[in-house]
Amino acid sequence: MTSLRIFAGPRALERLRSEGFVADSFSWLAGASGGPKWFVLHGIDRYLASSFFHDRQTPLHMIGSSAGAWRLACFAQRDPVIALETLAKFYSQQTYSQNPDAQVISREARAMLSAVMGAQGAADIAGNAVMRLHVIADRARGLLRSDRRLPLSLGLAASAAGNLLSRRALACFFERHIFHNSHDGAQTLPLSDLPSQYVALTPENVPDALMASGSIPFIMESVQNVSGTKPGSVFRDGGITDYHLDLPFQQSEGLVLYPHFYAGITPGWFDRFVPWRKAHRDYYDNVVLLSPSREFVASLPYGKIPDRNDFKHLDAVERLRYWQRVLQESERLADDFRALVETGRGLEKIQVFQSQRIKHA
């Protein structure tokens, strides 16, 4: 496994070493925020959809924010591989003028999600009895309801300052919403760290819920009045509260599979600037985290995984070439994981999950 690193909590590690990777051992699939960083996971996503979870009969709950929710939405569609490939194609081929405004980027994102879902996708996502999606978005309070630069800037600065003191201070600025599959509810993954509301997904609100989950402040417009929520509600990117999903997964009896572009967890978006805030290690007792190795990342163009700064630092031709290359190279991670699943060789190399904030190991 030169391209892939795997970390597991104690309960997960014990189970993997006794029975290997068995699809029905997993009851959750997780997907983090992070813009185009997920391109390194595209190969693994395709393998999971086409093979590992392909014949799934029992419910697999899936939870994600922002781009992670968009990826997982593909798994709940009638042809998940086609949906994943469509998402990768549209996402990786984005081009804009030098200074696109939030309206333009939001319009392109809606068009992309529409292409991914097609005519039937929203209904499939809302009601899939097996692949059960949960989408995190954040209802904004006070100044954060505005799309105007000054009040939004002040609101974000205040929420970042509050978060510096305590993560619970985010409750003054945001209310987490979990838009969940119609077969699930609040009891599926109860959350108490921050105020949380649960809203059932319907064919009507799936597009808005996915847009809300990925609506990055300043970059995209807020999403308002999502069906099933309080009238007048304004939503922003779910990664603000749940950037890398530091959630109480240990409540689940089954294991959690978490393909992640990093080897570590940053709880919330503002915690990128709070290096001492770490994930709750006990939450990951039953989590299996798949991550690209340091050697794999070093072998990529520019020695890094894609990110939103590529729009600023690379011209369109360079960026598109780079992103396509990463999508292709992501198959190496899938090959490593497939070999581990099929042969069991490499189980002894799985490391115990640590709560340190590292990018790659």
Protein backbone atom coordinates (compact mmCIF):
# COMPACT_ATOMS: atom_id res chain seq x y z
CA MET A 1 0.00 0.00 0.00
CA THR A 2 2.42 2.66 -1.15
CA SER A 3 -0.32 5.08 -2.20
CA LEU A 4 -2.80 4.53 0.61
CA ARG A 5 -2.66 4.96 4.38
CA ILE A 6 -5.35 3.51 6.61
CA PHE A 7 -6.11 4.54 10.18
CA ALA A 8 -8.66 2.83 12.42
CA GLY A 9 -10.06 3.31 15.89
CA PRO A 10 -9.49 0.47 18.40
CA ARG A 11 -12.87 -1.19 17.86
CA ALA A 12 -12.55 -0.90 14.09
CA LEU A 13 -8.98 -2.22 14.10
CA GLU A 14 -9.91 -5.26 16.14
CA ARG A 15 -12.74 -6.09 13.78
CA LEU A 16 -10.69 -5.58 10.62
CA ARG A 17 -7.93 -7.85 11.88
CA SER A 18 -10.43 -10.59 12.70
CA GLU A 19 -12.60 -10.47 9.58
CA GLY A 20 -10.94 -8.16 7.04
CA PHE A 21 -12.88 -5.64 4.97
CA VAL A 22 -16.49 -6.83 4.71
CA ALA A 23 -18.95 -4.38 3.18
CA ASP A 24 -21.78 -5.26 5.56
CA SER A 25 -19.57 -4.47 8.55
CA PHE A 26 -19.95 -0.79 7.69
CA SER A 27 -23.08 1.13 8.62
CA TRP A 28 -21.82 4.64 7.75
CA LEU A 29 -19.93 6.30 4.92
CA ALA A 30 -18.55 9.81 5.55
CA GLY A 31 -17.46 12.66 3.28
CA ALA A 32 -15.69 15.87 4.34
CA SER A 33 -15.77 19.42 3.01
CA GLY A 34 -12.72 20.64 1.15
CA GLY A 35 -13.46 21.83 -2.39
CA PRO A 36 -11.50 19.99 -5.10
CA LYS A 37 -9.33 18.14 -2.58
CA TRP A 38 -11.69 15.20 -3.10
CA PHE A 39 -10.27 14.55 -6.57
CA VAL A 40 -7.67 12.27 -4.93
CA LEU A 41 -10.57 10.13 -3.67
CA HIS A 42 -12.37 9.79 -6.98
CA GLY A 43 -10.91 6.36 -7.74
CA ILE A 44 -11.88 5.03 -4.32
CA ASP A 45 -15.39 6.47 -4.70
CA ARG A 46 -15.80 4.69 -8.03
CA TYR A 47 -14.57 1.41 -6.56
CA LEU A 48 -16.90 1.67 -3.58
CA ALA A 49 -19.89 2.41 -5.81
CA SER A 50 -19.14 -0.13 -8.53
CA SER A 51 -17.87 -3.01 -6.40
CA PHE A 52 -17.51 -2.81 -2.62
CA PHE A 53 -21.04 -1.52 -1.89
CA HIS A 54 -22.55 -2.48 -5.25
CA ASP A 55 -24.78 -5.33 -4.02
CA ARG A 56 -25.63 -3.72 -0.70
CA GLN A 57 -29.01 -4.81 0.70
CA THR A 58 -28.92 -3.38 4.24
CA PRO A 59 -29.01 0.38 4.92
CA LEU A 60 -25.77 2.34 4.60
CA HIS A 61 -26.11 5.75 6.20
CA MET A 62 -24.00 8.47 4.58
CA ILE A 63 -23.18 11.88 6.00
CA GLY A 64 -21.29 14.75 4.44
CA SER A 65 -20.92 18.48 4.17
CA SER A 66 -20.24 20.62 1.11
CA ALA A 67 -18.31 18.70 -1.58
CA GLY A 68 -18.47 15.62 0.63
CA ALA A 69 -22.27 15.71 0.52
CA TRP A 70 -22.17 16.14 -3.26
CA ARG A 71 -20.00 13.04 -3.62
CA LEU A 72 -22.21 10.97 -1.35
CA ALA A 73 -25.35 12.11 -3.15
CA CYS A 74 -24.02 10.23 -6.17
CA PHE A 75 -24.05 6.95 -4.21
CA ALA A 76 -27.80 7.29 -3.64
CA GLN A 77 -28.66 7.52 -7.33
CA ARG A 78 -29.75 4.78 -9.70
CA ASP A 79 -26.36 4.68 -11.43
CA PRO A 80 -23.86 5.96 -8.86
CA VAL A 81 -20.78 5.48 -11.04
CA ILE A 82 -22.22 7.61 -13.85
CA ALA A 83 -23.21 10.23 -11.26
CA LEU A 84 -19.70 10.26 -9.76
CA GLU A 85 -18.09 10.56 -13.18
CA THR A 86 -20.45 13.39 -14.14
CA LEU A 87 -19.64 15.24 -10.92
CA ALA A 88 -15.90 14.80 -11.49
CA LYS A 89 -16.17 15.95 -15.10
CA PHE A 90 -18.17 19.10 -14.40
CA TYR A 91 -16.30 19.99 -11.19
CA SER A 92 -12.83 19.51 -12.68
CA GLN A 93 -13.61 21.41 -15.88
CA GLN A 94 -14.88 24.61 -14.27
CA THR A 95 -13.62 27.78 -15.91
CA TYR A 96 -14.52 31.34 -14.99
CA SER A 97 -13.57 34.88 -15.86
CA GLN A 98 -10.80 36.42 -13.76
CA ASN A 99 -13.13 37.71 -11.04
CA PRO A 100 -16.44 35.83 -11.15
CA ASP A 101 -19.08 36.97 -8.68
CA ALA A 102 -20.99 34.73 -6.28
CA GLN A 103 -24.04 34.72 -8.52
CA VAL A 104 -22.09 33.28 -11.45
CA ILE A 105 -20.42 30.57 -9.36
CA SER A 106 -23.71 29.62 -7.69
CA ARG A 107 -25.43 29.39 -11.06
CA GLU A 108 -22.68 27.08 -12.35
CA ALA A 109 -22.89 24.93 -9.22
CA ARG A 110 -26.65 24.51 -9.62
CA ALA A 111 -26.17 23.55 -13.26
CA MET A 112 -23.55 21.00 -12.24
CA LEU A 113 -25.79 19.40 -9.61
CA SER A 114 -28.66 19.36 -12.09
CA ALA A 115 -26.47 17.48 -14.58
CA VAL A 116 -25.36 15.04 -11.88
CA MET A 117 -28.90 14.28 -10.72
CA GLY A 118 -30.78 14.38 -14.01
CA ALA A 119 -34.55 14.04 -13.97
CA GLN A 120 -34.78 11.27 -11.38
CA GLY A 121 -31.80 11.86 -9.09
CA ALA A 122 -33.48 14.04 -6.47
CA ALA A 123 -36.21 11.46 -5.89
CA ASP A 124 -33.64 8.66 -5.74
CA ILE A 125 -31.57 10.55 -3.17
CA ALA A 126 -34.53 11.44 -0.95
CA GLY A 127 -36.05 7.97 -0.83
CA ASN A 128 -33.27 5.43 -1.37
CA ALA A 129 -33.96 2.68 1.17
CA VAL A 130 -30.37 1.40 1.14
CA MET A 131 -28.01 4.33 0.46
CA ARG A 132 -29.35 6.86 2.96
CA LEU A 133 -27.90 10.35 2.62
CA HIS A 134 -27.56 12.95 5.39
CA VAL A 135 -26.56 16.46 4.26
CA ILE A 136 -25.21 19.06 6.69
CA ALA A 137 -25.91 22.76 6.09
CA ASP A 138 -25.77 25.70 8.50
CA ARG A 139 -28.61 28.15 9.08
CA ALA A 140 -27.05 31.59 9.47
CA ARG A 141 -27.97 34.02 12.24
CA GLY A 142 -27.69 37.81 12.49
CA LEU A 143 -25.21 39.52 10.18
CA LEU A 144 -24.33 36.20 8.59
CA ARG A 145 -27.71 36.17 6.86
CA SER A 146 -26.54 38.93 4.53
CA ASP A 147 -24.72 38.36 1.24
CA ARG A 148 -23.33 41.91 1.34
CA ARG A 149 -19.59 41.94 1.96
CA LEU A 150 -19.39 44.23 5.02
CA PRO A 151 -22.01 42.60 7.27
CA LEU A 152 -20.95 39.13 6.16
CA SER A 153 -17.30 39.96 6.92
CA LEU A 154 -18.21 41.27 10.37
CA GLY A 155 -20.35 38.23 11.08
CA LEU A 156 -17.63 35.80 10.05
CA ALA A 157 -15.02 37.68 12.08
CA ALA A 158 -17.24 37.55 15.16
CA SER A 159 -17.96 33.84 14.72
CA ALA A 160 -14.26 33.08 14.20
CA ALA A 161 -13.44 34.99 17.39
CA GLY A 162 -16.13 33.12 19.31
CA ASN A 163 -14.90 29.80 17.98
CA LEU A 164 -11.39 30.68 19.15
CA LEU A 165 -12.71 30.66 22.72
CA SER A 166 -15.03 27.68 22.38
CA ARG A 167 -16.47 25.64 19.55
CA ARG A 168 -19.83 25.86 21.30
CA ALA A 169 -19.82 29.61 20.61
CA LEU A 170 -20.70 28.76 17.01
CA ALA A 171 -24.26 28.27 18.27
CA CYS A 172 -24.57 32.06 18.52
CA PHE A 173 -23.98 32.35 14.78
CA PHE A 174 -25.13 29.12 13.13
CA GLU A 175 -27.66 26.37 13.62
CA ARG A 176 -26.69 23.03 12.14
CA HIS A 177 -29.31 21.39 9.94
CA ILE A 178 -29.18 17.74 8.93
CA PHE A 179 -31.23 17.03 5.84
CA HIS A 180 -31.75 13.29 6.06
CA ASN A 181 -33.04 10.45 3.93
CA SER A 182 -36.79 9.98 4.31
CA HIS A 183 -36.28 6.55 5.94
CA ASP A 184 -34.05 8.00 8.69
CA GLY A 185 -34.50 10.62 11.38
CA ALA A 186 -32.92 12.41 14.32
CA GLN A 187 -32.34 9.12 16.13
CA THR A 188 -30.01 7.83 13.39
CA LEU A 189 -27.09 9.99 14.59
CA PRO A 190 -28.14 12.17 17.55
CA LEU A 191 -25.98 15.29 17.88
CA SER A 192 -25.81 17.50 20.97
CA ASP A 193 -22.55 19.46 20.65
CA LEU A 194 -24.31 22.27 18.76
CA PRO A 195 -28.00 23.14 18.21
CA SER A 196 -29.16 20.81 15.45
CA GLN A 197 -32.37 20.54 13.46
CA TYR A 198 -33.40 17.53 11.40
CA VAL A 199 -35.28 17.92 8.13
CA ALA A 200 -36.42 15.08 5.87
CA LEU A 201 -35.14 15.15 2.31
CA THR A 202 -37.79 15.29 -0.39
CA PRO A 203 -37.50 15.39 -4.18
CA GLU A 204 -38.31 19.10 -3.90
CA ASN A 205 -35.65 20.12 -1.37
CA VAL A 206 -32.72 17.88 -2.39
CA PRO A 207 -31.24 20.40 -4.88
CA ASP A 208 -31.47 23.29 -2.39
CA ALA A 209 -30.12 21.18 0.50
CA LEU A 210 -27.07 20.19 -1.56
CA MET A 211 -26.54 23.77 -2.71
CA ALA A 212 -26.87 25.05 0.85
CA SER A 213 -24.33 22.53 2.10
CA GLY A 214 -21.74 23.83 -0.37
CA SER A 215 -22.45 27.57 -0.31
CA ILE A 216 -19.06 28.94 0.72
CA PRO A 217 -19.32 32.50 2.13
CA PHE A 218 -18.20 35.19 -0.33
CA ILE A 219 -17.60 32.59 -3.04
CA MET A 220 -21.25 31.60 -3.45
CA GLU A 221 -24.64 33.05 -2.64
CA SER A 222 -26.50 31.89 0.43
CA VAL A 223 -29.45 29.55 -0.10
CA GLN A 224 -32.77 30.69 1.28
CA ASN A 225 -36.10 29.12 2.21
CA VAL A 226 -35.23 25.48 1.71
CA SER A 227 -38.46 23.48 1.68
CA GLY A 228 -39.16 21.95 5.09
CA THR A 229 -37.26 24.61 7.05
CA LYS A 230 -38.38 27.67 8.96
CA PRO A 231 -39.60 30.43 6.56
CA GLY A 232 -36.94 33.08 6.00
CA SER A 233 -34.05 30.74 6.83
CA VAL A 234 -30.70 31.52 5.19
CA PHE A 235 -28.21 28.68 4.76
CA ARG A 236 -24.47 28.52 4.28
CA ASP A 237 -21.79 25.87 3.86
CA GLY A 238 -22.17 22.95 6.26
CA GLY A 239 -18.40 22.75 6.54
CA ILE A 240 -18.42 25.84 8.76
CA THR A 241 -19.59 23.73 11.68
CA ASP A 242 -18.58 20.32 10.35
CA TYR A 243 -15.51 20.69 8.16
CA HIS A 244 -14.09 17.17 8.64
CA LEU A 245 -17.02 15.63 10.54
CA ASP A 246 -15.91 15.37 14.17
CA LEU A 247 -19.15 13.58 15.02
CA PRO A 248 -20.04 10.89 17.60
CA PHE A 249 -19.75 7.98 15.20
CA GLN A 250 -19.01 5.63 18.09
CA GLN A 251 -22.77 5.54 18.78
CA SER A 252 -23.15 3.28 15.76
CA GLU A 253 -22.87 -0.48 16.20
CA GLY A 254 -21.31 -0.90 12.76
CA LEU A 255 -18.10 0.53 11.38
CA VAL A 256 -17.70 3.87 9.61
CA LEU A 257 -15.78 4.10 6.34
CA TYR A 258 -14.24 7.53 5.86
CA PRO A 259 -12.29 8.16 2.64
CA HIS A 260 -10.49 11.42 3.47
CA PHE A 261 -7.97 13.54 1.60
CA TYR A 262 -6.02 14.14 4.84
CA ALA A 263 -4.76 11.79 7.55
CA GLY A 264 -6.07 14.07 10.30
CA ILE A 265 -9.33 15.76 11.28
CA THR A 266 -10.04 19.49 11.61
CA PRO A 267 -13.44 19.76 13.34
CA GLY A 268 -14.79 23.06 11.94
CA TRP A 269 -13.89 25.51 9.18
CA PHE A 270 -12.59 28.13 11.62
CA ASP A 271 -10.51 25.49 13.39
CA ARG A 272 -8.03 25.71 10.54
CA PHE A 273 -6.74 28.68 12.54
CA VAL A 274 -7.02 26.94 15.93
CA PRO A 275 -4.24 24.32 15.77
CA TRP A 276 -4.76 23.10 19.33
CA ARG A 277 -8.35 22.00 18.65
CA LYS A 278 -8.38 18.32 17.80
CA ALA A 279 -10.92 15.66 17.01
CA HIS A 280 -12.51 13.65 19.82
CA ARG A 281 -10.54 10.43 19.68
CA ASP A 282 -13.39 8.42 21.23
CA TYR A 283 -15.68 9.45 18.36
CA TYR A 284 -13.44 7.45 16.00
CA ASP A 285 -13.42 4.18 17.93
CA ASN A 286 -15.24 2.45 15.06
CA VAL A 287 -13.98 4.59 12.15
CA VAL A 288 -11.75 3.40 9.30
CA LEU A 289 -10.08 6.38 7.62
CA LEU A 290 -8.57 6.00 4.14
CA SER A 291 -6.05 8.66 3.15
CA PRO A 292 -3.47 9.25 0.39
CA SER A 293 0.08 8.63 1.55
CA ARG A 294 2.74 11.31 1.74
CA GLU A 295 4.59 9.53 -1.08
CA PHE A 296 1.51 9.55 -3.28
CA VAL A 297 0.92 13.26 -2.75
CA ALA A 298 4.59 14.04 -3.43
CA SER A 299 4.29 12.25 -6.78
CA LEU A 300 1.45 14.50 -7.97
CA PRO A 301 2.08 17.61 -10.06
CA TYR A 302 3.11 20.48 -7.76
CA GLY A 303 3.54 17.90 -4.95
CA LYS A 304 0.11 18.58 -3.47
CA ILE A 305 -3.56 17.72 -3.80
CA PRO A 306 -5.89 20.19 -5.57
CA ASP A 307 -7.47 23.07 -3.68
CA ARG A 308 -9.43 26.24 -4.41
CA ASN A 309 -6.23 28.31 -4.52
CA ASP A 310 -5.47 26.63 -7.84
CA PHE A 311 -7.94 29.06 -9.40
CA LYS A 312 -5.66 31.92 -8.33
CA HIS A 313 -2.21 30.42 -8.79
CA LEU A 314 -2.61 28.49 -12.05
CA ASP A 315 -3.94 29.58 -15.39
CA ALA A 316 -6.94 27.66 -16.71
CA VAL A 317 -4.94 25.39 -19.02
CA GLU A 318 -2.46 24.41 -16.27
CA ARG A 319 -5.21 23.91 -13.71
CA LEU A 320 -7.38 21.74 -15.95
CA ARG A 321 -4.40 19.59 -16.93
CA TYR A 322 -3.34 19.22 -13.29
CA TRP A 323 -6.82 18.34 -12.05
CA GLN A 324 -7.34 15.74 -14.78
CA ARG A 325 -4.01 14.17 -13.89
CA VAL A 326 -5.00 13.90 -10.23
CA LEU A 327 -8.31 12.27 -11.13
CA GLN A 328 -6.39 9.71 -13.17
CA GLU A 329 -3.79 9.12 -10.47
CA SER A 330 -6.53 8.59 -7.87
CA GLU A 331 -7.00 5.12 -9.37
CA ARG A 332 -3.77 4.12 -7.61
CA LEU A 333 -5.50 4.53 -4.25
CA ALA A 334 -8.41 2.46 -5.51
CA ASP A 335 -6.01 -0.26 -6.68
CA ASP A 336 -4.35 -0.40 -3.26
CA PHE A 337 -7.68 -0.58 -1.46
CA ARG A 338 -9.08 -3.19 -3.85
CA ALA A 339 -6.03 -5.41 -3.31
CA LEU A 340 -6.39 -5.11 0.45
CA VAL A 341 -10.08 -6.00 0.32
CA GLU A 342 -9.55 -8.97 -1.97
CA THR A 343 -6.39 -10.46 -0.45
CA GLY A 344 -6.20 -9.16 3.11
CA ARG A 345 -2.51 -8.45 2.60
CA GLY A 346 -1.63 -5.20 4.34
CA LEU A 347 -4.09 -5.41 7.23
CA GLU A 348 -1.10 -5.48 9.59
CA LYS A 349 -0.05 -2.05 8.29
CA ILE A 350 -3.24 -0.32 9.40
CA GLN A 351 -2.39 2.27 12.04
CA VAL A 352 -4.34 3.26 15.12
CA PHE A 353 -6.27 6.49 14.59
CA GLN A 354 -4.69 9.51 16.25
CA SER A 355 -6.34 12.88 16.76
CA GLN A 356 -3.31 14.85 15.59
CA ARG A 357 -3.80 17.46 12.89
CA ILE A 358 -1.66 16.11 10.05
CA LYS A 359 -2.20 16.28 6.32
CA HIS A 360 -0.46 13.16 5.10
CA ALA A 361 1.45 10.27 6.65
